[in-house]
Amino acid sequence: MSNKPFSQACENNKEPILEIIRQVFANTTHVLEIGSGTGQHACYFSQHLTHLTWQPSDKSENIAGINLWRESCSQANLKPAIALNITDKSWPYDKFDAVFTANTLHIMSEQEVQIGFDRLSQYLNPKALLCIYGPFNYNGTFTSDSNARFENWLKNQNPLSGIKNIEDILLLGSDRGIHLINDFEMPANNRLLVLQKS
């Protein structure tokens, strides 16, 4: 029995996310996943989206766990995980067709998110797609009581973290030529934002 890391949230949300990214990434060839976490999403999505190359990435301490998932699913289109912090000055590749990230923005500080968008504007190809999954506030308001409780839990872990306001995220994007093209409602009070670099 392997000691692969496991997230129940990943298990719960992988199918609803796949339903949408199957359409969004239909003409994509190379996806960078930022904050791959356990590696479950990378394994599952690469199995079901065999037309594209899936590049998982995360902070260095999570790489070994992601690669355990990669070894277990043996997908030729799933690359070995690479160490990447979204705030790194230089990224391992020059340009990407698409970026996917799930449940990362609320873990980051406002400053980290801003730097992340700076990097995305630098490294995304023109017309590249950006998919962001997770909880967001609208007009500064929680969309559910459970999200409000989640926010308290996050702040106890790290006072700089927290659920971001969608208006702030869209402004960060549009200021850098990355514009919203779709906002999908997802289970468990989450959203899947699809943005595109102009």
Foldseek 3Di string as FASTA:
>chain_A
DDPADDDVVCVVFLVVVLVPVVVVCVPFAEEEEEACARLPNLLVNCVVNVNHAYEYEYAPVNQVNNVVSCVVNVRPSYDRYYYDQLLDPDDPDQEGQEYEYEPDQQLDAPVSLLSSLVVCLRHYDAFRKYKYKFAADEPPHGPDPVLVVVQVVSCVVPVRGGHYHVVVNQVSQVVSQKHWDDWAQGPPRMIITMITHD
